[in-house]
Each structure stands twice: as structure tokens, then as C-alpha cells.
């Protein structure tokens, strides 16, 4: 199935994983900064 291949491809692709991780880490950091301010 293409859906599964897409998911596996994203997980295997270091660039996509890195981008997702960066975004995932930036969101909570922004939230914490907003709460602290």
C-alpha cells in the first residue's frame, strides 16, 4: 500500500524526520516561552 510506504519513507528519510522533530520540539518550546512570559 502506498500509504504505508509513505509513512515508512518519512520515518526512513533523515531530512523529513529531522524537520518533523525540529517542528515538534519548537512547538512545546514556544508554548513554554508563552507561559513563562
PDB file of N, CA and C in Angstrom:
ATOM      1  N   UNK A   1       0.846  -1.207   0.000  1.00  0.00           N
ATOM      2  CA  UNK A   1       0.000   0.000   0.000  1.00  0.00           C
ATOM      3  C   UNK A   1       0.876   1.249   0.000  1.00  0.00           C
ATOM      4  N   UNK A   2       0.420   2.248  -0.754  1.00  0.00           N
ATOM      5  CA  UNK A   2       1.237   3.460  -0.854  1.00  0.00           C
ATOM      6  C   UNK A   2       1.256   4.217   0.474  1.00  0.00           C
ATOM      7  N   UNK A   3       0.163   4.209   1.196  1.00  0.00           N
ATOM      8  CA  UNK A   3       0.126   4.933   2.474  1.00  0.00           C
ATOM      9  C   UNK A   3       1.216   4.453   3.421  1.00  0.00           C
ATOM     10  N   UNK A   4       1.326   3.114   3.537  1.00  0.00           N
ATOM     11  CA  UNK A   4       2.334   2.558   4.445  1.00  0.00           C
ATOM     12  C   UNK A   4       3.729   2.926   3.941  1.00  0.00           C
ATOM     13  N   UNK A   5       3.928   2.817   2.636  1.00  0.00           N
ATOM     14  CA  UNK A   5       5.243   3.156   2.060  1.00  0.00           C
ATOM     15  C   UNK A   5       5.570   4.623   2.344  1.00  0.00           C
ATOM     16  N   UNK A   6       4.568   5.482   2.253  1.00  0.00           N
ATOM     17  CA  UNK A   6       4.800   6.906   2.529  1.00  0.00           C
ATOM     18  C   UNK A   6       5.243   7.103   3.975  1.00  0.00           C
ATOM     19  N   UNK A   7       4.532   6.445   4.900  1.00  0.00           N
ATOM     20  CA  UNK A   7       4.872   6.576   6.317  1.00  0.00           C
ATOM     21  C   UNK A   7       6.283   6.058   6.567  1.00  0.00           C
ATOM     22  N   UNK A   8       6.583   4.864   6.025  1.00  0.00           N
ATOM     23  CA  UNK A   8       7.918   4.284   6.212  1.00  0.00           C
ATOM     24  C   UNK A   8       8.966   5.196   5.594  1.00  0.00           C
ATOM     25  N   UNK A   9       8.669   5.759   4.423  1.00  0.00           N
ATOM     26  CA  UNK A   9       9.617   6.651   3.765  1.00  0.00           C
ATOM     27  C   UNK A   9       9.922   7.867   4.614  1.00  0.00           C
ATOM     28  N   UNK A  10       8.907   8.438   5.231  1.00  0.00           N
ATOM     29  CA  UNK A  10       9.120   9.615   6.089  1.00  0.00           C
ATOM     30  C   UNK A  10       9.989   9.235   7.286  1.00  0.00           C
ATOM     31  N   UNK A  11       9.698   8.079   7.868  1.00  0.00           N
ATOM     32  CA  UNK A  11      10.475   7.647   9.037  1.00  0.00           C
ATOM     33  C   UNK A  11      11.914   7.330   8.651  1.00  0.00           C
ATOM     34  N   UNK A  12      12.099   6.799   7.433  1.00  0.00           N
ATOM     35  CA  UNK A  12      13.437   6.429   6.993  1.00  0.00           C
ATOM     36  C   UNK A  12      14.202   7.639   6.475  1.00  0.00           C
ATOM     37  N   UNK A  13      13.486   8.649   6.002  1.00  0.00           N
ATOM     38  CA  UNK A  13      14.146   9.835   5.442  1.00  0.00           C
ATOM     39  C   UNK A  13      14.672  10.721   6.574  1.00  0.00           C
ATOM     40  N   UNK A  14      15.996  10.860   6.696  1.00  0.00           N
ATOM     41  CA  UNK A  14      16.548  11.654   7.798  1.00  0.00           C
ATOM     42  C   UNK A  14      16.119  13.117   7.728  1.00  0.00           C
ATOM     43  N   UNK A  15      16.002  13.651   6.524  1.00  0.00           N
ATOM     44  CA  UNK A  15      15.611  15.059   6.393  1.00  0.00           C
ATOM     45  C   UNK A  15      14.193  15.261   6.913  1.00  0.00           C
ATOM     46  N   UNK A  16      13.276  14.396   6.497  1.00  0.00           N
ATOM     47  CA  UNK A  16      11.884  14.525   6.937  1.00  0.00           C
ATOM     48  C   UNK A  16      11.785  14.327   8.442  1.00  0.00           C
ATOM     49  N   UNK A  17      12.509  13.325   8.949  1.00  0.00           N
ATOM     50  CA  UNK A  17      12.466  13.060  10.390  1.00  0.00           C
ATOM     51  C   UNK A  17      13.030  14.245  11.148  1.00  0.00           C
ATOM     52  N   UNK A  18      14.137  14.789  10.654  1.00  0.00           N
ATOM     53  CA  UNK A  18      14.775  15.926  11.316  1.00  0.00           C
ATOM     54  C   UNK A  18      13.823  17.123  11.325  1.00  0.00           C
ATOM     55  N   UNK A  19      13.167  17.380  10.198  1.00  0.00           N
ATOM     56  CA  UNK A  19      12.253  18.514  10.102  1.00  0.00           C
ATOM     57  C   UNK A  19      11.079  18.321  11.064  1.00  0.00           C
ATOM     58  N   UNK A  20      10.516  17.112  11.076  1.00  0.00           N
ATOM     59  CA  UNK A  20       9.389  16.843  11.968  1.00  0.00           C
ATOM     60  C   UNK A  20       9.816  17.006  13.415  1.00  0.00           C
ATOM     61  N   UNK A  21      11.000  16.518  13.742  1.00  0.00           N
ATOM     62  CA  UNK A  21      11.495  16.626  15.121  1.00  0.00           C
ATOM     63  C   UNK A  21      11.709  18.080  15.499  1.00  0.00           C
ATOM     64  N   UNK A  22      12.277  18.851  14.574  1.00  0.00           N
ATOM     65  CA  UNK A  22      12.533  20.263  14.853  1.00  0.00           C
ATOM     66  C   UNK A  22      11.218  20.989  15.114  1.00  0.00           C
ATOM     67  N   UNK A  23      10.228  20.739  14.262  1.00  0.00           N
ATOM     68  CA  UNK A  23       8.925  21.392  14.428  1.00  0.00           C
ATOM     69  C   UNK A  23       8.300  20.944  15.746  1.00  0.00           C
ATOM     70  N   UNK A  24       8.389  19.639  16.020  1.00  0.00           N
ATOM     71  CA  UNK A  24       7.782  19.089  17.242  1.00  0.00           C
ATOM     72  C   UNK A  24       8.428  19.700  18.482  1.00  0.00           C
ATOM     73  N   UNK A  25       9.730  19.929  18.401  1.00  0.00           N
ATOM     74  CA  UNK A  25      10.433  20.493  19.557  1.00  0.00           C
ATOM     75  C   UNK A  25      10.168  21.989  19.667  1.00  0.00           C
ATOM     76  N   UNK A  26       9.985  22.657  18.518  1.00  0.00           N
ATOM     77  CA  UNK A  26       9.776  24.113  18.538  1.00  0.00           C
ATOM     78  C   UNK A  26       8.406  24.465  19.104  1.00  0.00           C
ATOM     79  N   UNK A  27       7.400  23.624  18.844  1.00  0.00           N
ATOM     80  CA  UNK A  27       6.042  23.927  19.314  1.00  0.00           C
ATOM     81  C   UNK A  27       5.989  23.970  20.850  1.00  0.00           C
ATOM     82  N   UNK A  28       6.463  22.919  21.552  1.00  0.00           N
ATOM     83  CA  UNK A  28       6.412  22.954  23.015  1.00  0.00           C
ATOM     84  C   UNK A  28       7.293  24.064  23.589  1.00  0.00           C
ATOM     85  N   UNK A  29       8.422  24.337  22.963  1.00  0.00           N
ATOM     86  CA  UNK A  29       9.290  25.402  23.440  1.00  0.00           C
ATOM     87  C   UNK A  29       8.561  26.736  23.369  1.00  0.00           C
ATOM     88  N   UNK A  30       7.845  26.953  22.269  1.00  0.00           N
ATOM     89  CA  UNK A  30       7.077  28.187  22.108  1.00  0.00           C
ATOM     90  C   UNK A  30       6.012  28.284  23.195  1.00  0.00           C
ATOM     91  N   UNK A  31       5.357  27.153  23.472  1.00  0.00           N
ATOM     92  CA  UNK A  31       4.313  27.112  24.490  1.00  0.00           C
ATOM     93  C   UNK A  31       4.897  27.463  25.855  1.00  0.00           C
ATOM     94  N   UNK A  32       6.055  26.888  26.157  1.00  0.00           N
ATOM     95  CA  UNK A  32       6.685  27.147  27.454  1.00  0.00           C
ATOM     96  C   UNK A  32       7.089  28.608  27.559  1.00  0.00           C
ATOM     97  N   UNK A  33       7.604  29.159  26.475  1.00  0.00           N
ATOM     98  CA  UNK A  33       8.017  30.564  26.495  1.00  0.00           C
ATOM     99  C   UNK A  33       6.804  31.464  26.723  1.00  0.00           C
ATOM    100  N   UNK A  34       5.705  31.126  26.079  1.00  0.00           N
ATOM    101  CA  UNK A  34       4.499  31.938  26.223  1.00  0.00           C
ATOM    102  C   UNK A  34       3.988  31.879  27.658  1.00  0.00           C
ATOM    103  N   UNK A  35       4.024  30.686  28.257  1.00  0.00           N
ATOM    104  CA  UNK A  35       3.534  30.531  29.632  1.00  0.00           C
ATOM    105  C   UNK A  35       4.435  31.280  30.605  1.00  0.00           C
ATOM    106  N   UNK A  36       5.736  31.259  30.356  1.00  0.00           N
ATOM    107  CA  UNK A  36       6.681  31.930  31.257  1.00  0.00           C
ATOM    108  C   UNK A  36       6.558  33.438  31.153  1.00  0.00           C
ATOM    109  N   UNK A  37       6.274  33.947  29.965  1.00  0.00           N
ATOM    110  CA  UNK A  37       6.193  35.394  29.762  1.00  0.00           C
ATOM    111  C   UNK A  37       5.032  35.987  30.548  1.00  0.00           C
TER     112      UNK A  37
END
